[in-house]
Amino acid sequence: MELNYYYNSRWSAEQTVAKGKLMGDDWQRSTKPPHAAPHLGGSWFIALDDRGPQTGEIEVVVWGQWIREKKKD
């Protein structure tokens, strides 16, 4: 299964998981997981299978806070 990652605010991620559909505006899509993705504006993410949100109701595979380690000088 290939995953697509969507980045947004904590509120949007929590509401999306609770309601089973994308909630909020400004979702940023990426094929890269949180540890490898560039900063896309949201501090939280959800991961969906490759069917994505086009089907209306969605099943979130995983979700959480976007965490990225800072590079050491």
N, C-alpha and C. Protein backbone atom coordinates (compact mmCIF):
# COMPACT_ATOMS: atom_id res chain seq x y z
N MET A 1 0.84 -1.17 0.00
CA MET A 1 0.00 0.00 0.00
C MET A 1 0.89 1.24 0.00
N GLU A 2 0.58 2.15 -0.89
CA GLU A 2 1.31 3.41 -0.95
C GLU A 2 0.51 4.47 -0.18
N LEU A 3 1.21 5.27 0.61
CA LEU A 3 0.54 6.29 1.42
C LEU A 3 0.76 7.69 0.86
N ASN A 4 -0.24 8.53 1.06
CA ASN A 4 -0.13 9.95 0.79
C ASN A 4 -0.28 10.66 2.13
N TYR A 5 0.53 11.67 2.33
CA TYR A 5 0.55 12.40 3.60
C TYR A 5 -0.04 13.79 3.38
N TYR A 6 -0.88 14.19 4.32
CA TYR A 6 -1.54 15.50 4.25
C TYR A 6 -1.20 16.26 5.52
N TYR A 7 -0.72 17.48 5.37
CA TYR A 7 -0.24 18.29 6.49
C TYR A 7 -1.16 19.47 6.73
N ASN A 8 -1.44 19.74 8.01
CA ASN A 8 -2.31 20.86 8.38
C ASN A 8 -2.19 21.08 9.89
N SER A 9 -3.16 21.75 10.47
CA SER A 9 -3.15 22.07 11.90
C SER A 9 -3.60 20.87 12.74
N ARG A 10 -3.36 20.95 14.03
CA ARG A 10 -3.81 19.90 14.95
C ARG A 10 -5.33 19.77 14.90
N TRP A 11 -6.03 20.91 14.94
CA TRP A 11 -7.49 20.88 14.91
C TRP A 11 -7.98 20.15 13.67
N SER A 12 -7.43 20.48 12.50
CA SER A 12 -7.87 19.85 11.25
C SER A 12 -7.60 18.36 11.27
N ALA A 13 -6.44 17.95 11.77
CA ALA A 13 -6.11 16.52 11.83
C ALA A 13 -7.06 15.79 12.78
N GLU A 14 -7.28 16.34 13.97
CA GLU A 14 -8.18 15.69 14.94
C GLU A 14 -9.60 15.58 14.41
N GLN A 15 -10.11 16.64 13.80
CA GLN A 15 -11.47 16.63 13.26
C GLN A 15 -11.60 15.66 12.09
N THR A 16 -10.56 15.57 11.28
CA THR A 16 -10.57 14.64 10.15
C THR A 16 -10.64 13.20 10.65
N VAL A 17 -9.86 12.87 11.65
CA VAL A 17 -9.88 11.52 12.22
C VAL A 17 -11.25 11.23 12.84
N ALA A 18 -11.79 12.19 13.58
CA ALA A 18 -13.06 11.98 14.26
C ALA A 18 -14.24 11.84 13.30
N LYS A 19 -14.23 12.61 12.21
CA LYS A 19 -15.38 12.64 11.30
C LYS A 19 -15.23 11.76 10.07
N GLY A 20 -14.00 11.29 9.78
CA GLY A 20 -13.79 10.41 8.63
C GLY A 20 -13.84 11.11 7.29
N LYS A 21 -13.61 12.42 7.29
CA LYS A 21 -13.50 13.18 6.04
C LYS A 21 -12.60 14.37 6.29
N LEU A 22 -11.99 14.89 5.22
CA LEU A 22 -11.06 16.01 5.38
C LEU A 22 -11.80 17.21 5.94
N MET A 23 -11.30 17.73 7.04
CA MET A 23 -11.88 18.89 7.70
C MET A 23 -10.85 20.02 7.69
N GLY A 24 -11.31 21.23 7.49
CA GLY A 24 -10.41 22.37 7.46
C GLY A 24 -9.91 22.64 6.05
N ASP A 25 -9.27 23.77 5.90
CA ASP A 25 -8.74 24.19 4.60
C ASP A 25 -7.23 24.07 4.60
N ASP A 26 -6.65 24.27 3.44
CA ASP A 26 -5.20 24.38 3.28
C ASP A 26 -4.42 23.10 3.55
N TRP A 27 -4.98 21.95 3.28
CA TRP A 27 -4.22 20.71 3.40
C TRP A 27 -3.13 20.70 2.34
N GLN A 28 -1.94 20.31 2.74
CA GLN A 28 -0.80 20.21 1.83
C GLN A 28 -0.46 18.73 1.66
N ARG A 29 -0.54 18.22 0.43
CA ARG A 29 -0.30 16.81 0.15
C ARG A 29 1.16 16.56 -0.21
N SER A 30 1.67 15.41 0.24
CA SER A 30 3.03 14.99 -0.10
C SER A 30 3.07 13.47 -0.13
N THR A 31 3.94 12.93 -0.94
CA THR A 31 4.16 11.48 -0.94
C THR A 31 5.26 11.11 0.05
N LYS A 32 5.89 12.11 0.65
CA LYS A 32 6.98 11.87 1.60
C LYS A 32 6.45 11.83 3.03
N PRO A 33 6.94 10.87 3.83
CA PRO A 33 6.52 10.79 5.23
C PRO A 33 7.06 11.95 6.04
N PRO A 34 6.53 12.17 7.24
CA PRO A 34 6.90 13.33 8.05
C PRO A 34 8.40 13.50 8.29
N HIS A 35 9.13 12.42 8.49
CA HIS A 35 10.56 12.57 8.77
C HIS A 35 11.36 13.01 7.54
N ALA A 36 10.79 12.88 6.35
CA ALA A 36 11.52 13.22 5.12
C ALA A 36 10.90 14.38 4.35
N ALA A 37 9.73 14.81 4.75
CA ALA A 37 9.03 15.85 3.99
C ALA A 37 9.57 17.24 4.31
N PRO A 38 9.54 18.12 3.33
CA PRO A 38 9.87 19.52 3.62
C PRO A 38 8.76 20.11 4.47
N HIS A 39 9.04 21.21 5.13
CA HIS A 39 8.00 21.84 5.95
C HIS A 39 6.91 22.37 5.02
N LEU A 40 5.70 21.88 5.21
CA LEU A 40 4.61 22.23 4.31
C LEU A 40 3.56 23.12 4.95
N GLY A 41 3.87 23.71 6.08
CA GLY A 41 2.95 24.66 6.68
C GLY A 41 2.10 24.13 7.81
N GLY A 42 1.91 22.84 7.90
CA GLY A 42 1.11 22.29 8.99
C GLY A 42 1.99 21.56 9.98
N SER A 43 1.60 21.59 11.24
CA SER A 43 2.42 20.93 12.26
C SER A 43 1.90 19.53 12.58
N TRP A 44 0.80 19.12 11.94
CA TRP A 44 0.24 17.78 12.13
C TRP A 44 0.01 17.15 10.77
N PHE A 45 -0.08 15.82 10.74
CA PHE A 45 -0.29 15.13 9.48
C PHE A 45 -1.29 13.99 9.65
N ILE A 46 -1.87 13.58 8.53
CA ILE A 46 -2.61 12.33 8.44
C ILE A 46 -2.05 11.58 7.25
N ALA A 47 -2.10 10.28 7.28
CA ALA A 47 -1.68 9.46 6.15
C ALA A 47 -2.88 8.68 5.65
N LEU A 48 -3.09 8.72 4.35
CA LEU A 48 -4.19 8.00 3.71
C LEU A 48 -3.62 7.03 2.69
N ASP A 49 -4.36 5.96 2.41
CA ASP A 49 -3.89 5.06 1.37
C ASP A 49 -4.01 5.75 0.02
N ASP A 50 -3.56 5.09 -1.03
CA ASP A 50 -3.47 5.74 -2.33
C ASP A 50 -4.83 6.12 -2.94
N ARG A 51 -5.93 5.67 -2.35
CA ARG A 51 -7.25 6.11 -2.84
C ARG A 51 -7.51 7.56 -2.45
N GLY A 52 -6.90 7.99 -1.36
CA GLY A 52 -7.00 9.39 -0.93
C GLY A 52 -8.40 9.83 -0.60
N PRO A 53 -8.61 11.14 -0.53
CA PRO A 53 -9.91 11.67 -0.11
C PRO A 53 -10.96 11.73 -1.22
N GLN A 54 -10.65 11.27 -2.42
CA GLN A 54 -11.59 11.39 -3.54
C GLN A 54 -12.87 10.59 -3.31
N THR A 55 -12.82 9.57 -2.47
CA THR A 55 -13.98 8.70 -2.28
C THR A 55 -14.99 9.25 -1.28
N GLY A 56 -14.77 10.44 -0.76
CA GLY A 56 -15.68 11.02 0.24
C GLY A 56 -15.24 10.65 1.63
N GLU A 57 -15.77 9.54 2.15
CA GLU A 57 -15.33 9.10 3.46
C GLU A 57 -13.93 8.52 3.35
N ILE A 58 -13.12 8.79 4.35
CA ILE A 58 -11.73 8.33 4.32
C ILE A 58 -11.42 7.49 5.54
N GLU A 59 -10.41 6.65 5.40
CA GLU A 59 -9.90 5.90 6.54
C GLU A 59 -8.46 6.35 6.75
N VAL A 60 -8.22 7.00 7.87
CA VAL A 60 -6.88 7.49 8.19
C VAL A 60 -6.04 6.31 8.65
N VAL A 61 -4.91 6.09 8.00
CA VAL A 61 -4.02 4.98 8.35
C VAL A 61 -3.21 5.31 9.59
N VAL A 62 -2.69 6.52 9.64
CA VAL A 62 -1.91 6.98 10.79
C VAL A 62 -2.00 8.50 10.82
N TRP A 63 -1.84 9.08 12.01
CA TRP A 63 -1.85 10.53 12.13
C TRP A 63 -1.05 10.94 13.35
N GLY A 64 -0.61 12.17 13.37
CA GLY A 64 0.14 12.64 14.52
C GLY A 64 0.81 13.97 14.26
N GLN A 65 1.67 14.34 15.18
CA GLN A 65 2.38 15.61 15.07
C GLN A 65 3.58 15.45 14.14
N TRP A 66 3.76 16.45 13.30
CA TRP A 66 4.89 16.46 12.38
C TRP A 66 6.12 16.83 13.17
N ILE A 67 7.10 15.94 13.23
CA ILE A 67 8.32 16.18 14.00
C ILE A 67 9.51 16.00 13.06
N ARG A 68 10.40 16.93 13.12
CA ARG A 68 11.60 16.83 12.30
C ARG A 68 12.77 17.32 13.13
N GLU A 69 13.82 16.52 13.16
CA GLU A 69 15.00 16.90 13.92
C GLU A 69 15.74 18.02 13.20
N LYS A 70 16.27 18.94 13.98
CA LYS A 70 17.08 20.02 13.41
C LYS A 70 18.45 19.47 13.06
N LYS A 71 18.98 19.96 11.96
CA LYS A 71 20.33 19.53 11.56
C LYS A 71 21.35 20.10 12.52
N LYS A 72 22.33 19.29 12.87
CA LYS A 72 23.41 19.75 13.75
C LYS A 72 24.44 20.49 12.93
N ASP A 73 24.98 21.54 13.50
CA ASP A 73 26.01 22.33 12.80
C ASP A 73 27.35 21.65 12.85
